[in-house]
C-alpha atoms as a PDB file:
ATOM      1  CA  LEU A   1     109.532 -57.792  -3.976  1.00  0.00           C
ATOM      2  CA  MET A   2     106.215 -56.170  -3.849  1.00  0.00           C
ATOM      3  CA  PRO A   3     105.917 -55.069  -7.374  1.00  0.00           C
ATOM      4  CA  ASN A   4     106.674 -58.826  -8.422  1.00  0.00           C
ATOM      5  CA  LEU A   5     103.894 -59.920  -6.241  1.00  0.00           C
ATOM      6  CA  PHE A   6     101.318 -57.718  -7.952  1.00  0.00           C
ATOM      7  CA  ASP A   7     102.672 -58.121 -11.473  1.00  0.00           C
ATOM      8  CA  GLN A   8     100.327 -61.097 -11.841  1.00  0.00           C
ATOM      9  CA  PHE A   9      97.305 -58.836 -11.611  1.00  0.00           C
ATOM     10  CA  MET A  10      98.308 -56.637 -14.497  1.00  0.00           C
ATOM     11  CA  SER A  11      96.651 -57.132 -17.848  1.00  0.00           C
ATOM     12  CA  PRO A  12      98.658 -59.162 -20.110  1.00  0.00           C
ATOM     13  CA  TYR A  13      99.752 -57.813 -23.490  1.00  0.00           C
ATOM     14  CA  PHE A  14     100.846 -59.680 -26.542  1.00  0.00           C
ATOM     15  CA  LEU A  15     102.615 -57.529 -29.239  1.00  0.00           C
ATOM     16  CA  GLY A  16     100.975 -54.474 -27.809  1.00  0.00           C
ATOM     17  CA  VAL A  17      97.632 -56.000 -27.994  1.00  0.00           C
ATOM     18  CA  PRO A  18      95.754 -56.491 -24.539  1.00  0.00           C
ATOM     19  CA  LEU A  19      94.775 -60.155 -23.950  1.00  0.00           C
ATOM     20  CA  LEU A  20      91.940 -59.055 -21.499  1.00  0.00           C
ATOM     21  CA  MET A  21      89.255 -59.674 -24.105  1.00  0.00           C
ATOM     22  CA  LEU A  22      90.656 -63.185 -24.955  1.00  0.00           C
ATOM     23  CA  ALA A  23      90.496 -64.039 -21.305  1.00  0.00           C
ATOM     24  CA  LEU A  24      86.802 -62.877 -21.154  1.00  0.00           C
ATOM     25  CA  VAL A  25      85.784 -64.729 -24.358  1.00  0.00           C
ATOM     26  CA  PHE A  26      87.569 -67.978 -23.785  1.00  0.00           C
ATOM     27  CA  PRO A  27      85.333 -69.400 -20.962  1.00  0.00           C
ATOM     28  CA  ARG A  28      82.529 -69.420 -23.562  1.00  0.00           C
ATOM     29  CA  THR A  29      84.238 -72.194 -25.449  1.00  0.00           C
ATOM     30  CA  LEU A  30      84.263 -74.396 -22.501  1.00  0.00           C
ATOM     31  CA  LEU A  31      80.383 -74.528 -22.003  1.00  0.00           C
ATOM     32  CA  PRO A  32      78.489 -77.335 -23.691  1.00  0.00           C
ATOM     33  CA  GLU A  33      76.415 -76.600 -26.669  1.00  0.00           C
ATOM     34  CA  SER A  34      72.644 -76.855 -26.507  1.00  0.00           C
ATOM     35  CA  SER A  35      70.842 -79.461 -28.363  1.00  0.00           C
ATOM     36  CA  ILE A  36      67.346 -79.833 -30.040  1.00  0.00           C
ATOM     37  CA  ARG A  37      67.417 -83.482 -29.132  1.00  0.00           C
ATOM     38  CA  TRP A  38      65.172 -84.911 -26.393  1.00  0.00           C
ATOM     39  CA  LEU A  39      68.070 -86.988 -25.158  1.00  0.00           C
ATOM     40  CA  LYS A  40      70.973 -84.795 -24.095  1.00  0.00           C
ATOM     41  CA  ASN A  41      74.553 -85.871 -23.605  1.00  0.00           C
ATOM     42  CA  ARG A  42      75.941 -86.274 -20.130  1.00  0.00           C
ATOM     43  CA  GLN A  43      77.906 -83.056 -20.248  1.00  0.00           C
ATOM     44  CA  LEU A  44      74.964 -80.942 -21.007  1.00  0.00           C
ATOM     45  CA  THR A  45      72.720 -82.911 -18.518  1.00  0.00           C
ATOM     46  CA  LEU A  46      75.235 -82.317 -15.609  1.00  0.00           C
ATOM     47  CA  TYR A  47      75.646 -78.539 -16.457  1.00  0.00           C
ATOM     48  CA  GLY A  48      71.894 -78.061 -16.425  1.00  0.00           C
ATOM     49  CA  TRP A  49      71.399 -79.977 -13.267  1.00  0.00           C
ATOM     50  CA  ALA A  50      74.103 -78.001 -11.564  1.00  0.00           C
ATOM     51  CA  VAL A  51      72.658 -74.691 -12.873  1.00  0.00           C
ATOM     52  CA  VAL A  52      69.251 -75.540 -11.729  1.00  0.00           C
ATOM     53  CA  ASN A  53      70.233 -76.461  -8.172  1.00  0.00           C
ATOM     54  CA  LEU A  54      72.414 -73.625  -7.631  1.00  0.00           C
ATOM     55  CA  MET A  55      69.905 -71.082  -8.839  1.00  0.00           C
ATOM     56  CA  GLN A  56      66.865 -72.626  -7.137  1.00  0.00           C
ATOM     57  CA  PRO A  57      67.788 -70.900  -3.505  1.00  0.00           C
ATOM     58  CA  VAL A  58      68.436 -67.747  -5.403  1.00  0.00           C
ATOM     59  CA  LEU A  59      65.127 -67.515  -7.265  1.00  0.00           C
ATOM     60  CA  LYS A  60      62.867 -68.873  -4.738  1.00  0.00           C
ATOM     61  CA  PRO A  61      62.502 -65.795  -2.515  1.00  0.00           C
ATOM     62  CA  LEU A  62      61.741 -63.790  -5.756  1.00  0.00           C
ATOM     63  CA  SER A  63      58.295 -62.989  -7.119  1.00  0.00           C
ATOM     64  CA  LEU A  64      57.326 -63.968 -10.547  1.00  0.00           C
ATOM     65  CA  GLY A  65      58.513 -60.641 -11.915  1.00  0.00           C
ATOM     66  CA  GLY A  66      62.015 -61.413 -10.433  1.00  0.00           C
ATOM     67  CA  HIS A  67      62.141 -64.739 -12.298  1.00  0.00           C
ATOM     68  CA  LYS A  68      62.596 -62.884 -15.457  1.00  0.00           C
ATOM     69  CA  TRP A  69      66.116 -62.169 -14.202  1.00  0.00           C
ATOM     70  CA  ALA A  70      66.744 -66.043 -14.088  1.00  0.00           C
ATOM     71  CA  LEU A  71      68.818 -66.186 -17.419  1.00  0.00           C
ATOM     72  CA  VAL A  72      70.793 -63.098 -16.669  1.00  0.00           C
ATOM     73  CA  LEU A  73      71.635 -64.184 -13.019  1.00  0.00           C
ATOM     74  CA  SER A  74      72.502 -67.851 -14.100  1.00  0.00           C
ATOM     75  CA  SER A  75      74.620 -66.762 -17.078  1.00  0.00           C
ATOM     76  CA  LEU A  76      76.599 -64.197 -15.061  1.00  0.00           C
ATOM     77  CA  MET A  77      76.965 -66.937 -12.142  1.00  0.00           C
ATOM     78  CA  VAL A  78      78.440 -69.563 -14.616  1.00  0.00           C
ATOM     79  CA  PHE A  79      80.588 -66.929 -16.282  1.00  0.00           C
ATOM     80  CA  LEU A  80      82.200 -65.666 -13.031  1.00  0.00           C
ATOM     81  CA  ILE A  81      82.745 -69.278 -11.868  1.00  0.00           C
ATOM     82  CA  LEU A  82      84.627 -70.049 -15.097  1.00  0.00           C
ATOM     83  CA  LEU A  83      86.770 -66.878 -14.972  1.00  0.00           C
ATOM     84  CA  ASN A  84      87.684 -67.492 -11.332  1.00  0.00           C
ATOM     85  CA  MET A  85      88.540 -71.245 -11.824  1.00  0.00           C
ATOM     86  CA  LEU A  86      90.531 -70.683 -15.120  1.00  0.00           C
ATOM     87  CA  GLY A  87      92.446 -68.057 -13.143  1.00  0.00           C
ATOM     88  CA  LEU A  88      93.918 -70.523 -10.730  1.00  0.00           C
ATOM     89  CA  LEU A  89      95.630 -72.347 -13.517  1.00  0.00           C
ATOM     90  CA  PRO A  90      99.463 -71.610 -13.967  1.00  0.00           C
ATOM     91  CA  TYR A  91     100.428 -68.843 -16.262  1.00  0.00           C
ATOM     92  CA  THR A  92      96.919 -67.521 -16.683  1.00  0.00           C
ATOM     93  CA  PHE A  93      95.405 -64.122 -15.911  1.00  0.00           C
ATOM     94  CA  THR A  94      92.299 -63.666 -13.722  1.00  0.00           C
ATOM     95  CA  PRO A  95      90.150 -60.796 -14.997  1.00  0.00           C
ATOM     96  CA  THR A  96      87.985 -60.783 -11.843  1.00  0.00           C
ATOM     97  CA  THR A  97      91.059 -59.539  -9.947  1.00  0.00           C
ATOM     98  CA  GLN A  98      90.392 -56.181 -11.619  1.00  0.00           C
ATOM     99  CA  LEU A  99      88.229 -53.920  -9.620  1.00  0.00           C
ATOM    100  CA  SER A 100      87.095 -51.968 -12.858  1.00  0.00           C
ATOM    101  CA  LEU A 101      85.829 -55.236 -14.368  1.00  0.00           C
ATOM    102  CA  ASN A 102      83.919 -56.337 -11.323  1.00  0.00           C
ATOM    103  CA  LEU A 103      82.455 -52.772 -11.040  1.00  0.00           C
ATOM    104  CA  ALA A 104      81.300 -53.087 -14.798  1.00  0.00           C
ATOM    105  CA  PHE A 105      79.331 -56.198 -13.888  1.00  0.00           C
ATOM    106  CA  ALA A 106      77.924 -54.769 -10.512  1.00  0.00           C
ATOM    107  CA  VAL A 107      76.934 -51.177 -11.218  1.00  0.00           C
ATOM    108  CA  PRO A 108      74.602 -51.653 -14.311  1.00  0.00           C
ATOM    109  CA  LEU A 109      72.865 -54.685 -12.602  1.00  0.00           C
ATOM    110  CA  TRP A 110      72.405 -52.776  -9.272  1.00  0.00           C
ATOM    111  CA  PHE A 111      71.119 -49.637 -11.051  1.00  0.00           C
ATOM    112  CA  SER A 112      68.691 -51.836 -12.944  1.00  0.00           C
ATOM    113  CA  THR A 113      67.180 -53.321  -9.897  1.00  0.00           C
ATOM    114  CA  VAL A 114      66.961 -49.749  -8.254  1.00  0.00           C
ATOM    115  CA  PHE A 115      65.354 -48.301 -11.640  1.00  0.00           C
ATOM    116  CA  ILE A 116      62.759 -51.200 -11.625  1.00  0.00           C
ATOM    117  CA  GLY A 117      61.808 -50.411  -7.957  1.00  0.00           C
ATOM    118  CA  MET A 118      61.538 -46.635  -8.805  1.00  0.00           C
ATOM    119  CA  VAL A 119      59.342 -47.278 -11.834  1.00  0.00           C
ATOM    120  CA  ASN A 120      57.142 -50.055 -10.551  1.00  0.00           C
ATOM    121  CA  GLN A 121      56.650 -49.115  -6.804  1.00  0.00           C
ATOM    122  CA  PRO A 122      58.328 -45.771  -6.083  1.00  0.00           C
ATOM    123  CA  THR A 123      56.604 -45.432  -2.803  1.00  0.00           C
ATOM    124  CA  HIS A 124      57.815 -48.804  -1.532  1.00  0.00           C
ATOM    125  CA  ALA A 125      61.423 -48.250  -2.896  1.00  0.00           C
ATOM    126  CA  LEU A 126      61.742 -44.754  -1.310  1.00  0.00           C
ATOM    127  CA  GLY A 127      60.425 -46.271   1.842  1.00  0.00           C
ATOM    128  CA  HIS A 128      63.531 -48.258   2.448  1.00  0.00           C
ATOM    129  CA  LEU A 129      65.266 -44.857   2.999  1.00  0.00           C
ATOM    130  CA  LEU A 130      63.318 -44.217   6.089  1.00  0.00           C
ATOM    131  CA  PRO A 131      62.605 -46.982   8.723  1.00  0.00           C
ATOM    132  CA  GLU A 132      59.024 -46.817  10.159  1.00  0.00           C
ATOM    133  CA  GLY A 133      58.768 -45.176  13.496  1.00  0.00           C
ATOM    134  CA  THR A 134      61.966 -43.114  13.074  1.00  0.00           C
ATOM    135  CA  PRO A 135      62.004 -39.939  15.470  1.00  0.00           C
ATOM    136  CA  THR A 136      61.443 -36.811  13.666  1.00  0.00           C
ATOM    137  CA  PRO A 137      64.858 -35.236  14.567  1.00  0.00           C
ATOM    138  CA  LEU A 138      66.683 -38.353  13.137  1.00  0.00           C
ATOM    139  CA  ILE A 139      64.875 -38.292   9.812  1.00  0.00           C
ATOM    140  CA  PRO A 140      67.376 -36.315   7.794  1.00  0.00           C
ATOM    141  CA  VAL A 141      70.260 -38.098   9.157  1.00  0.00           C
ATOM    142  CA  LEU A 142      68.828 -41.586   8.616  1.00  0.00           C
ATOM    143  CA  ILE A 143      67.801 -40.717   4.993  1.00  0.00           C
ATOM    144  CA  LEU A 144      71.346 -39.485   4.416  1.00  0.00           C
ATOM    145  CA  ILE A 145      72.837 -42.725   5.881  1.00  0.00           C
ATOM    146  CA  GLU A 146      70.503 -45.002   4.045  1.00  0.00           C
ATOM    147  CA  THR A 147      71.261 -43.217   0.740  1.00  0.00           C
ATOM    148  CA  ILE A 148      74.991 -43.613   1.151  1.00  0.00           C
ATOM    149  CA  SER A 149      74.538 -47.307   2.099  1.00  0.00           C
ATOM    150  CA  LEU A 150      72.335 -47.765  -1.135  1.00  0.00           C
ATOM    151  CA  PHE A 151      75.028 -46.289  -3.460  1.00  0.00           C
ATOM    152  CA  ILE A 152      77.715 -48.315  -1.754  1.00  0.00           C
ATOM    153  CA  ARG A 153      76.153 -51.579  -2.564  1.00  0.00           C
ATOM    154  CA  PRO A 154      77.652 -51.869  -6.176  1.00  0.00           C
ATOM    155  CA  LEU A 155      81.106 -50.825  -4.825  1.00  0.00           C
ATOM    156  CA  ALA A 156      80.782 -53.528  -2.060  1.00  0.00           C
ATOM    157  CA  LEU A 157      79.962 -56.045  -4.612  1.00  0.00           C
ATOM    158  CA  GLY A 158      82.999 -55.353  -6.707  1.00  0.00           C
ATOM    159  CA  VAL A 159      85.403 -54.703  -3.736  1.00  0.00           C
ATOM    160  CA  ARG A 160      84.322 -58.109  -2.206  1.00  0.00           C
ATOM    161  CA  LEU A 161      84.987 -60.174  -5.265  1.00  0.00           C
ATOM    162  CA  THR A 162      88.263 -58.437  -6.135  1.00  0.00           C
ATOM    163  CA  ALA A 163      89.684 -58.492  -2.564  1.00  0.00           C
ATOM    164  CA  ASN A 164      88.957 -62.311  -1.925  1.00  0.00           C
ATOM    165  CA  LEU A 165      90.433 -63.316  -5.241  1.00  0.00           C
ATOM    166  CA  THR A 166      93.387 -61.025  -4.991  1.00  0.00           C
ATOM    167  CA  ALA A 167      94.192 -62.308  -1.469  1.00  0.00           C
ATOM    168  CA  GLY A 168      93.947 -65.880  -2.401  1.00  0.00           C
ATOM    169  CA  HIS A 169      96.336 -65.382  -5.420  1.00  0.00           C
ATOM    170  CA  LEU A 170      98.698 -63.510  -3.412  1.00  0.00           C
ATOM    171  CA  LEU A 171      98.794 -66.055  -0.453  1.00  0.00           C
ATOM    172  CA  ILE A 172      99.219 -69.035  -2.931  1.00  0.00           C
ATOM    173  CA  GLN A 173     102.309 -67.017  -4.763  1.00  0.00           C
ATOM    174  CA  LEU A 174     104.065 -66.439  -1.253  1.00  0.00           C
ATOM    175  CA  ILE A 175     103.551 -70.096  -0.152  1.00  0.00           C
ATOM    176  CA  SER A 176     104.761 -71.503  -3.383  1.00  0.00           C
ATOM    177  CA  THR A 177     107.692 -69.119  -3.548  1.00  0.00           C
ATOM    178  CA  ALA A 178     108.748 -70.167   0.136  1.00  0.00           C
ATOM    179  CA  ALA A 179     108.307 -73.764  -0.833  1.00  0.00           C
ATOM    180  CA  TYR A 180     110.728 -73.274  -3.936  1.00  0.00           C
ATOM    181  CA  LEU A 181     113.296 -71.668  -1.570  1.00  0.00           C
ATOM    182  CA  ILE A 182     112.983 -74.120   1.144  1.00  0.00           C
ATOM    183  CA  LEU A 183     113.520 -77.282  -1.112  1.00  0.00           C
ATOM    184  CA  PRO A 184     117.144 -77.540  -1.122  1.00  0.00           C
ATOM    185  CA  LEU A 185     117.681 -76.359   2.533  1.00  0.00           C
ATOM    186  CA  MET A 186     114.913 -78.366   4.420  1.00  0.00           C
ATOM    187  CA  PRO A 187     113.320 -81.107   2.513  1.00  0.00           C
ATOM    188  CA  PRO A 188     110.921 -82.196   5.512  1.00  0.00           C
ATOM    189  CA  VAL A 189     109.746 -78.639   5.701  1.00  0.00           C
ATOM    190  CA  PHE A 190     109.191 -78.532   1.825  1.00  0.00           C
ATOM    191  CA  LEU A 191     106.895 -81.439   2.034  1.00  0.00           C
ATOM    192  CA  LEU A 192     104.791 -79.780   4.842  1.00  0.00           C
ATOM    193  CA  THR A 193     104.596 -76.589   2.875  1.00  0.00           C
ATOM    194  CA  SER A 194     103.707 -78.452  -0.276  1.00  0.00           C
ATOM    195  CA  THR A 195     100.928 -80.046   1.619  1.00  0.00           C
ATOM    196  CA  LEU A 196      99.804 -76.680   2.780  1.00  0.00           C
ATOM    197  CA  LEU A 197      99.968 -75.278  -0.743  1.00  0.00           C
ATOM    198  CA  LEU A 198      97.851 -78.098  -1.996  1.00  0.00           C
ATOM    199  CA  LEU A 199      95.136 -77.578   0.637  1.00  0.00           C
ATOM    200  CA  LEU A 200      95.187 -73.784  -0.014  1.00  0.00           C
ATOM    201  CA  SER A 201      94.691 -74.329  -3.657  1.00  0.00           C
ATOM    202  CA  LEU A 202      91.672 -76.585  -2.878  1.00  0.00           C
ATOM    203  CA  LEU A 203      90.406 -74.011  -0.661  1.00  0.00           C
ATOM    204  CA  GLU A 204      90.917 -71.179  -3.482  1.00  0.00           C
ATOM    205  CA  MET A 205      88.803 -73.532  -5.826  1.00  0.00           C
ATOM    206  CA  ALA A 206      85.891 -73.355  -3.189  1.00  0.00           C
ATOM    207  CA  VAL A 207      86.277 -69.446  -2.809  1.00  0.00           C
ATOM    208  CA  ALA A 208      86.244 -69.081  -6.641  1.00  0.00           C
ATOM    209  CA  MET A 209      82.924 -70.716  -6.742  1.00  0.00           C
ATOM    210  CA  ILE A 210      81.615 -69.325  -3.481  1.00  0.00           C
ATOM    211  CA  GLN A 211      82.476 -65.684  -4.367  1.00  0.00           C
ATOM    212  CA  ALA A 212      80.649 -65.957  -7.732  1.00  0.00           C
ATOM    213  CA  TYR A 213      77.557 -67.451  -5.962  1.00  0.00           C
ATOM    214  CA  VAL A 214      77.633 -64.774  -3.295  1.00  0.00           C
ATOM    215  CA  PHE A 215      77.774 -62.118  -5.989  1.00  0.00           C
ATOM    216  CA  ILE A 216      74.643 -63.357  -7.633  1.00  0.00           C
ATOM    217  CA  LEU A 217      72.974 -63.960  -4.357  1.00  0.00           C
ATOM    218  CA  LEU A 218      73.259 -60.338  -3.274  1.00  0.00           C
ATOM    219  CA  LEU A 219      72.255 -59.084  -6.599  1.00  0.00           C
ATOM    220  CA  SER A 220      68.950 -61.332  -6.107  1.00  0.00           C
ATOM    221  CA  LEU A 221      68.520 -59.652  -2.714  1.00  0.00           C
ATOM    222  CA  TYR A 222      68.630 -56.213  -4.065  1.00  0.00           C
ATOM    223  CA  LEU A 223      66.156 -57.352  -6.812  1.00  0.00           C
ATOM    224  CA  GLN A 224      63.996 -58.851  -4.183  1.00  0.00           C
ATOM    225  CA  GLU A 225      63.622 -55.364  -2.422  1.00  0.00           C
ATOM    226  CA  ASN A 226      62.388 -53.773  -5.743  1.00  0.00           C
ATOM    227  CA  VAL A 227      60.021 -56.257  -7.446  1.00  0.00           C
END
């Protein structure tokens, strides 16, 4: 039973060719094309309005130097939302359930924020490793703990996104399998289970968007410490 549950998280292949790249490229085709016209269509207007309103709380605490990251953060947020939402469709694959892919997003961006802090303000960046007023005997221990917590940040970003999406997909599969088996035996219970499955699917849609937003929000907090 267990291998069948986790088969959905394996990268799909067709004629020996991995389809992961296709799953990563396909969301781009769903985005509206930009236009040079003054009057834009409704789809492009709605898309722009949503991105601006979602990114405003993320960029507001940042300095002007941090606003240079607006395009990177907003593009990544939209990309993650599309990947997470498309993965909820039947017979689809969710790339963001792969820890390796999430770490490939998290590690370079986290390292970029740390590198910017070390280059622009090394004293301030290193000051985060030792809180002010620390007793002398605790200095080596606190520096070690803060250094470990600093390097755990990208791992936490990737694991958080992977774990939340994986748990939701597993729960949906378990409940849908139970509903399918209960249908011929107890129809009233099947209706109750189907209602629960519908509510869970709506919850997973919200989780798909929230987790993408949290990923970007945490990156912006790391950037705020270094700009």
